[in-house]
């Protein structure tokens, strides 16, 4: 999904689809124990230029739950989680 959402020049044609795909990859990484990849994918997804917040929040909520359940004491987890909350700039 990320590849087909990106043009030949590297510009994201469908930034929301790519962001949702990154969040999903973040969930998968969290479930396999790769917290760095999970946080990296989540951070990249939530920094997308255009956001449909309701759509992203559905997928971000799943990553939030995984990070809280599996890595409650990791310093980067709360920072990423706060990015997905409504009103975060």
C-alpha atoms as a PDB file:
ATOM      1  CA  UNK A   1       0.000   0.000   0.000  1.00  0.00           C
ATOM      2  CA  UNK A   2       2.797   2.421   0.832  1.00  0.00           C
ATOM      3  CA  UNK A   3       4.542   1.764  -2.475  1.00  0.00           C
ATOM      4  CA  UNK A   4       1.427   2.277  -4.582  1.00  0.00           C
ATOM      5  CA  UNK A   5       0.589   5.406  -2.578  1.00  0.00           C
ATOM      6  CA  UNK A   6       3.903   6.993  -3.571  1.00  0.00           C
ATOM      7  CA  UNK A   7       4.684   8.565  -6.941  1.00  0.00           C
ATOM      8  CA  UNK A   8       7.871   7.981  -8.912  1.00  0.00           C
ATOM      9  CA  UNK A   9       9.328  11.215  -7.551  1.00  0.00           C
ATOM     10  CA  UNK A  10       8.729  10.092  -3.938  1.00  0.00           C
ATOM     11  CA  UNK A  11       5.681  12.287  -3.396  1.00  0.00           C
ATOM     12  CA  UNK A  12       2.875  10.566  -1.557  1.00  0.00           C
ATOM     13  CA  UNK A  13      -0.162  10.470  -3.820  1.00  0.00           C
ATOM     14  CA  UNK A  14      -2.430   9.005  -1.142  1.00  0.00           C
ATOM     15  CA  UNK A  15      -0.967  10.180   2.174  1.00  0.00           C
ATOM     16  CA  UNK A  16      -3.888   8.902   4.234  1.00  0.00           C
ATOM     17  CA  UNK A  17      -3.659   5.375   2.840  1.00  0.00           C
ATOM     18  CA  UNK A  18       0.094   5.367   3.392  1.00  0.00           C
ATOM     19  CA  UNK A  19      -0.370   6.673   6.970  1.00  0.00           C
ATOM     20  CA  UNK A  20      -2.929   3.975   7.751  1.00  0.00           C
ATOM     21  CA  UNK A  21      -0.619   1.324   6.284  1.00  0.00           C
ATOM     22  CA  UNK A  22       2.259   2.582   8.439  1.00  0.00           C
ATOM     23  CA  UNK A  23       0.097   2.440  11.550  1.00  0.00           C
ATOM     24  CA  UNK A  24      -0.897  -1.125  10.677  1.00  0.00           C
ATOM     25  CA  UNK A  25       2.779  -2.027  10.191  1.00  0.00           C
ATOM     26  CA  UNK A  26       3.454  -0.391  13.558  1.00  0.00           C
ATOM     27  CA  UNK A  27       0.868  -2.640  15.203  1.00  0.00           C
ATOM     28  CA  UNK A  28       2.424  -5.705  13.576  1.00  0.00           C
ATOM     29  CA  UNK A  29       5.893  -4.636  14.732  1.00  0.00           C
ATOM     30  CA  UNK A  30       4.652  -4.078  18.297  1.00  0.00           C
ATOM     31  CA  UNK A  31       3.104  -7.540  18.326  1.00  0.00           C
ATOM     32  CA  UNK A  32       6.375  -9.137  17.215  1.00  0.00           C
ATOM     33  CA  UNK A  33       8.435  -7.274  19.805  1.00  0.00           C
ATOM     34  CA  UNK A  34      10.037  -4.611  17.594  1.00  0.00           C
ATOM     35  CA  UNK A  35       9.207  -1.473  19.553  1.00  0.00           C
ATOM     36  CA  UNK A  36      11.619   0.706  17.568  1.00  0.00           C
ATOM     37  CA  UNK A  37       9.903  -0.203  14.301  1.00  0.00           C
ATOM     38  CA  UNK A  38       6.461   0.194  15.897  1.00  0.00           C
ATOM     39  CA  UNK A  39       7.227   3.676  17.157  1.00  0.00           C
ATOM     40  CA  UNK A  40       9.010   4.641  13.944  1.00  0.00           C
ATOM     41  CA  UNK A  41       6.075   3.621  11.778  1.00  0.00           C
ATOM     42  CA  UNK A  42       3.591   5.268  14.131  1.00  0.00           C
ATOM     43  CA  UNK A  43       5.556   8.512  14.270  1.00  0.00           C
ATOM     44  CA  UNK A  44       5.926   8.677  10.491  1.00  0.00           C
ATOM     45  CA  UNK A  45       2.221   7.963  10.022  1.00  0.00           C
ATOM     46  CA  UNK A  46       1.115  10.648  12.447  1.00  0.00           C
ATOM     47  CA  UNK A  47       3.388  13.264  10.865  1.00  0.00           C
ATOM     48  CA  UNK A  48       1.571  13.002   7.509  1.00  0.00           C
ATOM     49  CA  UNK A  49       0.743  16.381   5.971  1.00  0.00           C
ATOM     50  CA  UNK A  50      -2.943  15.736   5.357  1.00  0.00           C
ATOM     51  CA  UNK A  51      -4.951  13.861   7.911  1.00  0.00           C
ATOM     52  CA  UNK A  52      -8.451  12.556   8.140  1.00  0.00           C
ATOM     53  CA  UNK A  53      -8.356  12.398  11.891  1.00  0.00           C
ATOM     54  CA  UNK A  54     -11.299  10.041  12.452  1.00  0.00           C
ATOM     55  CA  UNK A  55      -9.868   7.519  10.022  1.00  0.00           C
ATOM     56  CA  UNK A  56      -6.354   7.672  11.449  1.00  0.00           C
ATOM     57  CA  UNK A  57      -7.561   7.544  15.040  1.00  0.00           C
ATOM     58  CA  UNK A  58      -9.219   4.183  14.468  1.00  0.00           C
ATOM     59  CA  UNK A  59      -5.934   2.612  13.423  1.00  0.00           C
ATOM     60  CA  UNK A  60      -3.826   4.671  15.847  1.00  0.00           C
ATOM     61  CA  UNK A  61      -6.008   3.433  18.701  1.00  0.00           C
ATOM     62  CA  UNK A  62      -4.974  -0.134  17.956  1.00  0.00           C
ATOM     63  CA  UNK A  63      -1.287   0.826  18.013  1.00  0.00           C
ATOM     64  CA  UNK A  64      -1.907   2.769  21.223  1.00  0.00           C
ATOM     65  CA  UNK A  65      -3.402  -0.322  22.878  1.00  0.00           C
ATOM     66  CA  UNK A  66      -0.524  -2.541  21.783  1.00  0.00           C
ATOM     67  CA  UNK A  67       2.122  -0.104  23.017  1.00  0.00           C
ATOM     68  CA  UNK A  68       0.395   0.409  26.363  1.00  0.00           C
ATOM     69  CA  UNK A  69      -0.105  -3.323  26.884  1.00  0.00           C
ATOM     70  CA  UNK A  70       3.305  -4.516  25.736  1.00  0.00           C
ATOM     71  CA  UNK A  71       5.622  -1.595  26.547  1.00  0.00           C
ATOM     72  CA  UNK A  72       4.080   0.463  29.345  1.00  0.00           C
ATOM     73  CA  UNK A  73       7.441   1.659  30.638  1.00  0.00           C
ATOM     74  CA  UNK A  74       9.104   2.622  27.367  1.00  0.00           C
ATOM     75  CA  UNK A  75       9.710   6.374  27.219  1.00  0.00           C
ATOM     76  CA  UNK A  76       8.799   6.715  23.531  1.00  0.00           C
ATOM     77  CA  UNK A  77       5.433   4.967  23.890  1.00  0.00           C
ATOM     78  CA  UNK A  78       3.628   7.777  25.758  1.00  0.00           C
ATOM     79  CA  UNK A  79       5.044  10.374  23.337  1.00  0.00           C
ATOM     80  CA  UNK A  80       3.724   8.503  20.307  1.00  0.00           C
ATOM     81  CA  UNK A  81       0.427   7.816  22.011  1.00  0.00           C
ATOM     82  CA  UNK A  82      -0.052  11.513  22.794  1.00  0.00           C
ATOM     83  CA  UNK A  83       0.456  12.352  19.088  1.00  0.00           C
ATOM     84  CA  UNK A  84      -2.598  10.302  18.206  1.00  0.00           C
ATOM     85  CA  UNK A  85      -4.852  12.084  20.672  1.00  0.00           C
ATOM     86  CA  UNK A  86      -7.327  14.678  19.350  1.00  0.00           C
ATOM     87  CA  UNK A  87      -6.025  18.227  19.491  1.00  0.00           C
ATOM     88  CA  UNK A  88      -2.350  17.281  19.298  1.00  0.00           C
ATOM     89  CA  UNK A  89      -0.393  19.589  16.997  1.00  0.00           C
END
